[in-house]
N, C-alpha and C. Protein backbone atom coordinates (compact mmCIF):
# COMPACT_ATOMS: atom_id res chain seq x y z
N ARG A 1 -17.05 30.50 79.21
CA ARG A 1 -17.99 31.57 79.89
C ARG A 1 -17.62 32.44 78.91
N TRP A 2 -16.50 33.15 78.31
CA TRP A 2 -16.75 34.72 77.64
C TRP A 2 -18.00 34.87 76.08
N PHE A 3 -18.24 33.55 75.95
CA PHE A 3 -19.23 33.69 74.82
C PHE A 3 -20.36 32.76 75.08
N GLY A 4 -20.67 32.56 76.13
CA GLY A 4 -21.76 31.55 76.89
C GLY A 4 -21.92 30.79 75.97
N ALA A 5 -22.56 29.21 76.57
CA ALA A 5 -22.71 27.91 76.64
C ALA A 5 -23.12 27.64 75.05
N ARG A 6 -23.97 28.84 74.69
CA ARG A 6 -24.29 28.00 72.95
C ARG A 6 -23.19 28.63 72.23
N ARG A 7 -22.98 29.72 71.66
CA ARG A 7 -21.75 30.00 71.15
C ARG A 7 -20.60 29.52 71.61
N GLY A 8 -20.20 29.14 73.11
CA GLY A 8 -19.04 28.54 72.88
C GLY A 8 -18.78 26.56 72.54
N ARG A 9 -19.78 26.38 72.34
CA ARG A 9 -20.23 24.95 71.89
C ARG A 9 -19.65 25.16 70.56
N TRP A 10 -20.30 25.99 69.77
CA TRP A 10 -20.48 25.84 68.58
C TRP A 10 -18.67 26.44 67.87
N LEU A 11 -18.53 27.73 68.70
CA LEU A 11 -16.72 28.09 68.51
C LEU A 11 -15.63 26.76 68.74
N TYR A 12 -16.07 26.12 70.01
CA TYR A 12 -15.23 24.71 70.23
C TYR A 12 -15.50 23.73 68.62
N ALA A 13 -16.70 23.48 68.56
CA ALA A 13 -16.79 22.21 67.49
C ALA A 13 -16.03 22.92 65.66
N ARG A 14 -16.40 24.02 65.93
CA ARG A 14 -15.51 24.96 64.49
C ARG A 14 -14.16 24.71 64.59
N MET A 15 -13.55 25.01 65.77
CA MET A 15 -11.91 24.92 66.05
C MET A 15 -11.89 23.68 65.82
N ARG A 16 -12.59 22.35 65.86
CA ARG A 16 -11.90 20.98 65.90
C ARG A 16 -12.38 20.21 64.58
N GLY A 17 -13.30 21.37 63.62
CA GLY A 17 -13.08 21.12 62.43
C GLY A 17 -14.59 20.20 62.08
N MET A 18 -15.87 20.56 63.07
CA MET A 18 -16.92 19.41 63.20
C MET A 18 -17.68 20.56 62.46
N ASP A 19 -18.63 20.22 61.83
CA ASP A 19 -19.90 20.94 61.25
C ASP A 19 -21.02 19.86 60.61
N SER A 20 -22.16 20.30 60.88
CA SER A 20 -23.06 19.66 60.28
C SER A 20 -23.85 19.91 59.15
N SER A 21 -23.37 21.19 58.49
CA SER A 21 -23.84 21.17 56.86
C SER A 21 -23.47 20.35 56.28
N GLU A 22 -23.99 20.26 55.03
CA GLU A 22 -23.87 19.30 53.89
C GLU A 22 -22.44 19.96 53.27
N VAL A 23 -21.93 18.24 52.70
CA VAL A 23 -20.75 19.05 51.86
C VAL A 23 -21.30 18.86 50.40
N ASP A 24 -20.73 20.27 49.97
CA ASP A 24 -21.15 20.37 48.58
C ASP A 24 -19.89 19.36 47.53
N PRO A 25 -20.89 18.62 46.53
CA PRO A 25 -19.90 17.53 45.91
C PRO A 25 -18.72 18.55 45.28
N ARG A 26 -17.84 18.23 44.60
CA ARG A 26 -16.67 18.75 44.17
C ARG A 26 -17.09 19.28 42.55
N GLU A 27 -16.58 20.08 41.57
CA GLU A 27 -17.31 20.82 40.72
C GLU A 27 -16.68 19.48 39.49
N PRO A 28 -17.09 19.38 38.46
CA PRO A 28 -16.73 18.82 37.53
C PRO A 28 -15.11 18.78 36.90
N ARG A 29 -14.49 18.20 36.86
CA ARG A 29 -13.27 18.10 36.20
C ARG A 29 -12.89 18.99 35.10
N ARG A 30 -11.90 20.18 34.75
CA ARG A 30 -11.87 20.98 33.73
C ARG A 30 -10.72 20.42 33.02
N SER A 31 -9.68 20.04 33.82
CA SER A 31 -8.24 19.51 33.14
C SER A 31 -7.67 18.33 33.57
N ILE A 32 -6.99 17.51 32.90
CA ILE A 32 -6.25 16.69 33.41
C ILE A 32 -5.13 16.78 32.37
N SER A 33 -3.89 16.70 33.64
CA SER A 33 -2.53 16.80 32.80
C SER A 33 -1.54 16.49 33.48
N SER A 34 -0.17 16.40 33.26
CA SER A 34 0.67 15.26 33.97
C SER A 34 2.11 15.71 33.07
N GLU A 35 2.92 16.13 34.42
CA GLU A 35 4.20 16.74 33.40
C GLU A 35 5.77 16.35 34.09
N ARG A 36 6.55 16.01 33.45
CA ARG A 36 7.80 15.25 34.35
C ARG A 36 8.91 16.48 34.23
N THR A 37 9.67 16.45 35.40
CA THR A 37 10.90 17.45 35.31
C THR A 37 12.02 16.25 35.18
N PHE A 38 13.26 16.61 34.48
CA PHE A 38 13.60 15.18 34.03
C PHE A 38 15.10 15.74 35.35
N PHE A 39 15.57 14.83 35.16
CA PHE A 39 16.96 15.01 36.60
C PHE A 39 17.86 15.56 35.63
N LYS A 40 18.39 14.95 34.50
CA LYS A 40 19.17 15.64 33.48
C LYS A 40 18.60 16.01 31.89
N ASP A 41 19.13 17.28 31.62
CA ASP A 41 18.01 17.22 30.06
C ASP A 41 17.95 16.19 29.20
N LEU A 42 16.89 16.27 28.50
CA LEU A 42 17.17 15.82 27.15
C LEU A 42 17.25 16.35 26.04
N LYS A 43 17.93 16.04 24.93
CA LYS A 43 18.79 16.88 24.11
C LYS A 43 17.67 16.06 23.15
N SER A 44 17.78 14.50 22.60
CA SER A 44 17.39 13.90 21.41
C SER A 44 15.69 13.95 21.34
N ASP A 45 15.38 14.03 19.86
CA ASP A 45 13.91 13.78 20.05
C ASP A 45 13.28 12.74 20.23
N GLU A 46 13.72 11.63 20.10
CA GLU A 46 13.65 10.21 20.39
C GLU A 46 13.46 10.35 22.16
N ASP A 47 14.16 10.93 22.47
CA ASP A 47 14.23 10.76 24.13
C ASP A 47 12.86 11.63 24.73
N LEU A 48 12.33 13.02 23.84
CA LEU A 48 11.62 13.77 24.46
C LEU A 48 10.25 13.11 23.94
N GLU A 49 9.95 12.10 22.55
CA GLU A 49 9.15 11.44 22.30
C GLU A 49 8.78 10.46 22.94
N ARG A 50 9.61 9.72 23.47
CA ARG A 50 9.54 8.47 24.68
C ARG A 50 8.89 9.18 25.69
N ALA A 51 8.68 10.44 26.04
CA ALA A 51 8.70 11.04 27.60
C ALA A 51 7.27 11.35 27.23
N LEU A 52 7.07 11.69 25.98
CA LEU A 52 6.13 12.29 25.59
C LEU A 52 4.88 11.08 25.54
N LEU A 53 5.08 10.32 24.99
CA LEU A 53 4.20 8.64 25.47
C LEU A 53 4.04 8.39 26.62
N ARG A 54 4.74 8.51 27.34
CA ARG A 54 4.74 7.99 29.11
C ARG A 54 3.83 9.38 29.10
N LEU A 55 3.53 10.41 28.98
CA LEU A 55 2.80 11.36 29.75
C LEU A 55 1.28 11.05 29.09
N CYS A 56 1.02 11.07 27.54
CA CYS A 56 -0.36 10.81 27.04
C CYS A 56 -0.89 9.36 27.61
N ARG A 57 0.34 8.12 27.81
CA ARG A 57 -0.75 7.07 28.68
C ARG A 57 -1.15 7.50 29.47
N SER A 58 -0.30 8.22 30.56
CA SER A 58 -0.92 8.53 32.08
C SER A 58 -2.00 9.45 31.86
N VAL A 59 -2.24 10.35 31.09
CA VAL A 59 -3.37 11.05 31.00
C VAL A 59 -4.69 10.68 30.27
N THR A 60 -4.49 10.22 29.46
CA THR A 60 -5.66 9.48 28.65
C THR A 60 -6.24 7.97 29.69
N TYR A 61 -5.05 7.24 30.24
CA TYR A 61 -6.02 6.67 31.25
C TYR A 61 -6.32 7.28 32.68
N THR A 62 -6.59 8.11 32.90
CA THR A 62 -7.31 9.27 34.01
C THR A 62 -8.41 9.83 33.19
N LEU A 63 -8.43 9.94 31.89
CA LEU A 63 -9.43 10.46 31.30
C LEU A 63 -10.42 9.07 30.84
N ARG A 64 -9.82 8.29 30.98
CA ARG A 64 -10.80 7.13 30.62
C ARG A 64 -11.68 6.59 32.02
N LYS A 65 -10.48 6.32 32.86
CA LYS A 65 -11.47 6.22 34.05
C LYS A 65 -12.54 7.02 34.75
N ALA A 66 -12.21 8.32 34.48
CA ALA A 66 -13.41 9.28 34.87
C ALA A 66 -14.61 9.67 33.83
N ARG A 67 -14.27 8.47 32.62
CA ARG A 67 -15.17 8.41 31.41
C ARG A 67 -15.65 10.05 30.91
N LEU A 68 -14.68 10.40 30.20
CA LEU A 68 -14.28 11.87 29.89
C LEU A 68 -13.83 11.43 28.54
N ARG A 69 -13.97 12.58 27.64
CA ARG A 69 -12.99 12.66 26.47
C ARG A 69 -13.14 14.13 26.27
N ALA A 70 -11.42 14.46 25.48
CA ALA A 70 -10.98 16.01 25.13
C ALA A 70 -10.85 16.12 23.78
N ARG A 71 -10.99 17.49 23.61
CA ARG A 71 -11.10 17.99 22.51
C ARG A 71 -9.90 19.01 22.41
N THR A 72 -8.95 19.70 23.37
CA THR A 72 -8.23 20.53 23.64
C THR A 72 -6.77 19.51 24.07
N ILE A 73 -5.56 19.72 23.12
CA ILE A 73 -4.43 19.17 23.46
C ILE A 73 -3.26 20.13 24.02
N THR A 74 -2.87 20.46 24.97
CA THR A 74 -1.75 20.81 25.12
C THR A 74 -0.40 20.71 25.30
N VAL A 75 0.87 20.56 24.65
CA VAL A 75 2.44 20.61 25.27
C VAL A 75 2.65 21.41 25.59
N LYS A 76 3.28 21.46 27.08
CA LYS A 76 4.17 22.21 27.48
C LYS A 76 5.52 21.81 27.81
N LEU A 77 6.56 22.57 27.19
CA LEU A 77 8.10 22.19 27.18
C LEU A 77 8.91 23.48 27.84
N ARG A 78 9.78 23.06 28.75
CA ARG A 78 10.73 23.79 29.31
C ARG A 78 11.98 23.72 29.14
N ASP A 79 12.90 24.61 28.79
CA ASP A 79 14.12 24.26 28.12
C ASP A 79 14.81 24.48 29.37
N GLY A 80 16.37 23.70 28.92
CA GLY A 80 17.49 23.79 29.97
C GLY A 80 17.65 25.09 30.70
N ASP A 81 17.27 26.47 29.72
CA ASP A 81 17.49 27.86 30.38
C ASP A 81 15.81 28.19 31.27
N PHE A 82 15.22 27.30 31.18
CA PHE A 82 14.24 27.84 32.05
C PHE A 82 13.24 28.38 31.47
N LYS A 83 12.96 28.65 30.03
CA LYS A 83 12.02 29.33 29.35
C LYS A 83 10.75 28.24 29.25
N THR A 84 9.99 29.20 29.01
CA THR A 84 8.81 27.70 29.14
C THR A 84 7.72 28.25 27.88
N ARG A 85 7.50 27.13 27.45
CA ARG A 85 6.92 27.02 26.19
C ARG A 85 5.65 26.34 25.76
N SER A 86 4.74 26.67 25.57
CA SER A 86 3.42 25.95 25.33
C SER A 86 2.73 25.89 23.67
N ARG A 87 2.18 24.65 23.47
CA ARG A 87 1.55 24.63 22.24
C ARG A 87 -0.33 23.86 22.46
N SER A 88 -0.86 24.90 21.52
CA SER A 88 -2.23 23.67 22.18
C SER A 88 -3.05 23.61 20.57
N ARG A 89 -3.89 22.62 20.38
CA ARG A 89 -4.57 22.64 19.68
C ARG A 89 -6.42 22.25 19.94
N THR A 90 -7.01 22.32 19.16
CA THR A 90 -8.45 22.24 19.78
C THR A 90 -8.75 21.09 18.34
N VAL A 91 -9.07 20.06 18.67
CA VAL A 91 -9.89 19.14 17.39
C VAL A 91 -10.94 18.88 16.97
N GLY A 92 -11.27 18.48 16.13
CA GLY A 92 -12.86 18.50 15.53
C GLY A 92 -14.00 17.45 16.84
N GLU A 93 -12.87 16.16 16.55
CA GLU A 93 -13.25 14.99 17.11
C GLU A 93 -12.80 15.01 18.59
N PRO A 94 -13.46 14.55 19.61
CA PRO A 94 -13.34 14.37 21.04
C PRO A 94 -12.14 13.28 21.25
N LEU A 95 -11.40 13.42 21.89
CA LEU A 95 -10.55 12.11 21.81
C LEU A 95 -10.51 11.36 23.31
N GLU A 96 -10.10 10.39 23.38
CA GLU A 96 -10.00 9.39 24.24
C GLU A 96 -8.66 8.56 24.49
N THR A 97 -8.68 8.22 23.18
CA THR A 97 -7.08 6.77 22.74
C THR A 97 -6.11 7.66 23.27
N GLU A 98 -5.17 6.96 23.36
CA GLU A 98 -3.51 6.82 23.54
C GLU A 98 -3.19 7.49 22.45
N SER A 99 -3.55 6.65 21.33
CA SER A 99 -2.44 6.93 19.90
C SER A 99 -3.27 8.18 19.35
N ALA A 100 -4.12 7.96 19.13
CA ALA A 100 -4.79 9.85 18.76
C ALA A 100 -4.41 11.00 19.71
N THR A 101 -4.34 10.86 20.90
CA THR A 101 -3.79 11.94 21.77
C THR A 101 -2.40 11.90 21.74
N TYR A 102 -1.69 10.95 21.60
CA TYR A 102 -0.18 11.03 21.08
C TYR A 102 0.22 11.75 19.79
N GLY A 103 -0.79 11.52 18.98
CA GLY A 103 -0.47 12.12 17.44
C GLY A 103 -0.55 13.33 17.70
N VAL A 104 -1.17 14.06 17.76
CA VAL A 104 -1.55 15.46 18.21
C VAL A 104 -0.35 15.82 19.02
N ALA A 105 -0.25 15.34 20.10
CA ALA A 105 1.10 15.89 20.93
C ALA A 105 2.33 15.86 20.25
N ARG A 106 2.58 15.11 19.32
CA ARG A 106 3.37 15.01 19.09
C ARG A 106 3.71 16.03 17.85
N GLU A 107 2.80 16.18 17.28
CA GLU A 107 2.92 17.22 16.05
C GLU A 107 2.84 18.71 16.90
N LEU A 108 2.62 18.86 18.22
CA LEU A 108 2.67 20.01 19.11
C LEU A 108 3.91 20.48 19.48
N LEU A 109 4.71 19.14 20.21
CA LEU A 109 6.48 18.92 20.06
C LEU A 109 6.93 19.29 19.39
N ALA A 110 6.90 18.89 17.93
CA ALA A 110 7.79 19.19 16.57
C ALA A 110 7.41 20.55 16.10
N GLU A 111 6.05 21.12 16.30
CA GLU A 111 6.01 22.89 16.24
C GLU A 111 7.24 23.91 17.36
N LEU A 112 6.99 22.96 18.53
CA LEU A 112 7.75 23.28 19.83
C LEU A 112 9.31 23.51 19.11
N ARG A 113 9.60 22.26 19.06
CA ARG A 113 11.20 21.92 18.35
C ARG A 113 11.15 22.56 17.49
N SER A 114 10.87 22.63 16.51
CA SER A 114 11.01 23.49 15.20
C SER A 114 11.58 24.59 15.13
N ARG A 115 10.56 25.70 16.60
CA ARG A 115 11.33 27.19 16.81
C ARG A 115 12.49 27.38 17.65
N ARG A 116 12.71 26.46 18.00
CA ARG A 116 14.15 26.47 18.72
C ARG A 116 14.22 25.39 19.83
N ARG A 117 15.53 24.87 19.41
CA ARG A 117 15.91 23.44 19.37
C ARG A 117 16.78 23.67 20.51
N THR A 118 17.03 23.22 21.74
CA THR A 118 17.64 23.45 23.25
C THR A 118 17.22 21.91 23.91
N SER A 119 18.19 21.33 24.78
CA SER A 119 17.57 20.21 25.94
C SER A 119 16.59 21.16 26.52
N ALA A 120 15.93 19.89 26.97
CA ALA A 120 14.65 19.98 27.71
C ALA A 120 14.81 19.62 28.92
N ARG A 121 13.96 20.49 30.01
CA ARG A 121 14.05 20.44 31.52
C ARG A 121 13.13 19.54 31.71
N LEU A 122 11.62 20.28 31.18
CA LEU A 122 10.61 19.56 31.44
C LEU A 122 9.52 19.50 30.54
N LEU A 123 8.49 18.21 30.16
CA LEU A 123 7.86 18.22 29.34
C LEU A 123 6.63 18.00 30.17
N GLY A 124 5.54 18.69 29.34
CA GLY A 124 4.02 18.01 30.19
C GLY A 124 2.53 17.83 29.05
N VAL A 125 1.68 17.18 29.04
CA VAL A 125 0.76 17.33 28.59
C VAL A 125 -0.60 17.46 29.46
N GLY A 126 -1.41 18.08 28.94
CA GLY A 126 -2.62 18.59 29.65
C GLY A 126 -3.65 18.41 28.30
N LEU A 127 -4.96 18.11 29.39
CA LEU A 127 -6.11 17.71 28.06
C LEU A 127 -7.24 18.75 28.92
N THR A 128 -8.51 19.62 27.94
CA THR A 128 -8.95 19.99 28.55
C THR A 128 -10.05 20.26 27.04
N ASN A 129 -11.26 21.18 27.51
CA ASN A 129 -12.39 21.33 26.58
C ASN A 129 -12.91 19.74 26.90
N LEU A 130 -13.11 19.33 28.37
CA LEU A 130 -13.67 17.72 28.83
C LEU A 130 -15.21 17.65 28.70
N GLY A 131 -15.76 16.50 28.30
CA GLY A 131 -16.89 16.30 28.22
C GLY A 131 -16.97 14.88 28.31
N ALA A 132 -18.36 14.78 28.67
CA ALA A 132 -18.90 13.02 29.13
C ALA A 132 -18.58 12.64 28.18
N GLY A 133 -18.20 11.17 28.11
CA GLY A 133 -17.42 10.30 26.86
C GLY A 133 -18.56 9.93 25.50
N GLY A 134 -19.86 10.02 26.07
CA GLY A 134 -21.03 9.96 25.05
C GLY A 134 -21.36 11.31 24.67
N ASP A 135 -21.10 12.16 25.44
CA ASP A 135 -21.50 13.94 24.89
C ASP A 135 -20.92 14.40 23.66
N LEU A 136 -20.00 14.49 23.56
CA LEU A 136 -18.76 15.00 22.87
C LEU A 136 -19.36 14.14 20.96
N ALA A 137 -19.36 12.97 21.42
CA ALA A 137 -19.14 12.28 19.76
C ALA A 137 -20.14 12.94 19.07
N GLN A 138 -19.37 13.04 17.75
CA GLN A 138 -20.67 13.32 16.88
C GLN A 138 -20.08 12.68 15.26
N PHE A 139 -20.68 12.01 15.16
CA PHE A 139 -20.35 10.54 13.81
C PHE A 139 -21.12 11.33 12.40
N GLY A 140 -20.44 11.65 11.37
CA GLY A 140 -20.62 11.78 10.26
C GLY A 140 -21.72 10.52 9.44
N LEU A 141 -22.40 10.63 8.85
CA LEU A 141 -23.19 9.64 7.81
C LEU A 141 -21.89 8.64 7.24
N PHE A 142 -21.04 8.96 6.62
CA PHE A 142 -19.87 8.22 6.00
C PHE A 142 -18.75 8.04 6.35
N GLU A 143 -18.60 7.67 8.18
CA GLU A 143 -17.53 7.44 8.67
C GLU A 143 -17.47 6.16 9.10
N GLU A 144 -18.28 5.02 8.32
CA GLU A 144 -17.99 3.80 9.24
C GLU A 144 -17.28 2.73 9.34
N GLU A 145 -15.90 3.47 8.33
CA GLU A 145 -14.52 2.73 8.13
C GLU A 145 -13.80 3.56 9.65
N ASP A 146 -13.75 4.66 9.69
CA ASP A 146 -13.38 5.81 10.85
C ASP A 146 -13.94 5.18 12.00
N ARG A 147 -15.00 5.16 11.93
CA ARG A 147 -16.07 4.91 13.43
C ARG A 147 -15.36 3.56 13.84
N SER A 148 -15.01 2.78 13.21
CA SER A 148 -14.64 1.02 13.55
C SER A 148 -13.00 0.88 14.28
N GLU A 149 -12.37 1.83 13.67
CA GLU A 149 -10.94 1.97 13.33
C GLU A 149 -10.81 2.47 15.21
N GLY A 150 -11.58 3.55 15.27
CA GLY A 150 -11.65 4.15 16.30
C GLY A 150 -12.50 3.20 17.66
N GLN A 151 -13.47 2.48 17.43
CA GLN A 151 -13.70 1.44 18.40
C GLN A 151 -12.82 0.76 19.03
N ARG A 152 -12.17 0.12 17.94
CA ARG A 152 -11.03 -0.86 18.28
C ARG A 152 -10.09 -0.42 18.70
N GLU A 153 -9.28 1.03 18.74
CA GLU A 153 -8.44 1.99 19.41
C GLU A 153 -9.28 1.84 21.05
N ARG A 154 -10.26 2.03 21.14
CA ARG A 154 -11.20 2.62 22.45
C ARG A 154 -10.87 1.17 23.08
N THR A 155 -11.28 -0.11 22.49
CA THR A 155 -11.34 -1.33 22.95
C THR A 155 -10.10 -1.62 23.60
N LEU A 156 -8.87 -1.39 22.62
CA LEU A 156 -7.99 -2.22 23.32
C LEU A 156 -7.50 -1.26 24.15
N ASP A 157 -7.42 -0.11 24.34
CA ASP A 157 -7.13 1.05 25.36
C ASP A 157 -7.94 0.65 26.71
N HIS A 158 -9.29 0.26 26.33
CA HIS A 158 -9.86 -0.26 27.94
C HIS A 158 -9.40 -1.54 28.52
N VAL A 159 -9.27 -2.64 27.32
CA VAL A 159 -8.21 -4.08 27.69
C VAL A 159 -7.09 -3.54 28.46
N VAL A 160 -6.05 -2.98 28.01
CA VAL A 160 -4.96 -2.53 28.44
C VAL A 160 -5.33 -2.28 29.45
N ASP A 161 -6.06 -1.02 29.78
CA ASP A 161 -6.74 -0.09 31.74
C ASP A 161 -6.56 -1.68 32.36
N GLY A 162 -7.69 -2.55 31.95
CA GLY A 162 -7.94 -3.44 32.61
C GLY A 162 -6.76 -3.88 32.97
N LEU A 163 -5.95 -4.64 32.37
CA LEU A 163 -4.90 -5.09 32.70
C LEU A 163 -3.56 -4.24 33.45
N ARG A 164 -3.59 -3.11 33.30
CA ARG A 164 -2.57 -1.88 34.37
C ARG A 164 -3.05 -2.21 35.52
N GLU A 165 -4.53 -2.23 35.63
CA GLU A 165 -5.36 -1.95 37.07
C GLU A 165 -4.88 -3.58 37.83
N ARG A 166 -5.11 -4.53 37.33
CA ARG A 166 -4.83 -5.63 37.73
C ARG A 166 -3.12 -5.81 38.24
N PHE A 167 -2.48 -5.72 37.21
CA PHE A 167 -0.97 -6.12 37.28
C PHE A 167 -0.07 -5.32 37.38
N GLY A 168 -0.25 -4.22 37.48
CA GLY A 168 0.67 -2.67 37.95
C GLY A 168 0.68 -2.02 36.44
N ASP A 169 1.29 -0.77 36.67
CA ASP A 169 1.25 -0.15 35.48
C ASP A 169 2.35 -0.45 34.46
N GLY A 170 3.30 -1.25 34.83
CA GLY A 170 4.17 -2.00 34.00
C GLY A 170 3.65 -3.36 33.24
N ALA A 171 2.92 -3.81 33.42
CA ALA A 171 2.48 -4.74 33.15
C ALA A 171 2.67 -5.11 31.86
N ILE A 172 2.29 -3.92 30.89
CA ILE A 172 1.95 -3.93 29.64
C ILE A 172 2.19 -2.19 29.17
N LEU A 173 3.49 -2.36 27.92
CA LEU A 173 3.97 -1.05 27.45
C LEU A 173 3.95 -1.28 26.33
N PRO A 174 4.06 0.06 25.60
CA PRO A 174 4.41 0.11 24.37
C PRO A 174 5.77 0.02 24.04
N GLY A 175 6.50 -1.02 23.07
CA GLY A 175 7.79 -1.63 22.76
C GLY A 175 8.65 -0.02 22.89
N ARG A 176 8.25 0.99 22.09
CA ARG A 176 9.13 2.11 22.55
C ARG A 176 9.72 2.76 23.78
N ILE A 177 8.94 2.57 24.95
CA ILE A 177 9.09 3.01 26.33
C ILE A 177 9.45 1.44 27.54
N ILE A 178 10.16 0.51 26.69
CA ILE A 178 10.38 -0.83 27.67
C ILE A 178 11.49 -0.65 27.87
N GLY A 179 12.22 -0.55 28.77
CA GLY A 179 13.87 -0.52 29.37
C GLY A 179 13.56 1.18 29.74
N ASP A 180 13.07 1.99 29.78
CA ASP A 180 13.09 3.48 30.36
C ASP A 180 13.40 3.94 31.65
């Protein structure tokens, strides 16, 4: 009564979350990341590299499912005393494979560990500077061998993705992280 019949119906609909306007589609994804806080701080490089490999598997799987490629990789490390550091690298050739992403991320982790060697509480990997699978690729005139190697890695990753989707994430794992 206080608002009138028309305005009252409008207000009632809004309070219930009802609206006839169109839903705007989501903006394109700008980053993909994953991080893990450890129950017990990790001290050894081997343990950190295994954790890094798991994170790279996760973010590259998400990247491929979204049919994207990334040019910037970031590794984030939080020490046992809660000091957080990160390093990023933008590569010339966009990445989508697990092995290529892990290779860059491993170098970044080594840089972080060389500056300050303490136990790690949290580790994260982020991918930014994203583009569509075919949009970012630029092959040189004489890169036939590199291209075929990259194609083999992409094919392998897509086959592994299919197995993971069909039988679960633990169906096929790199030998380094089995039993982790």
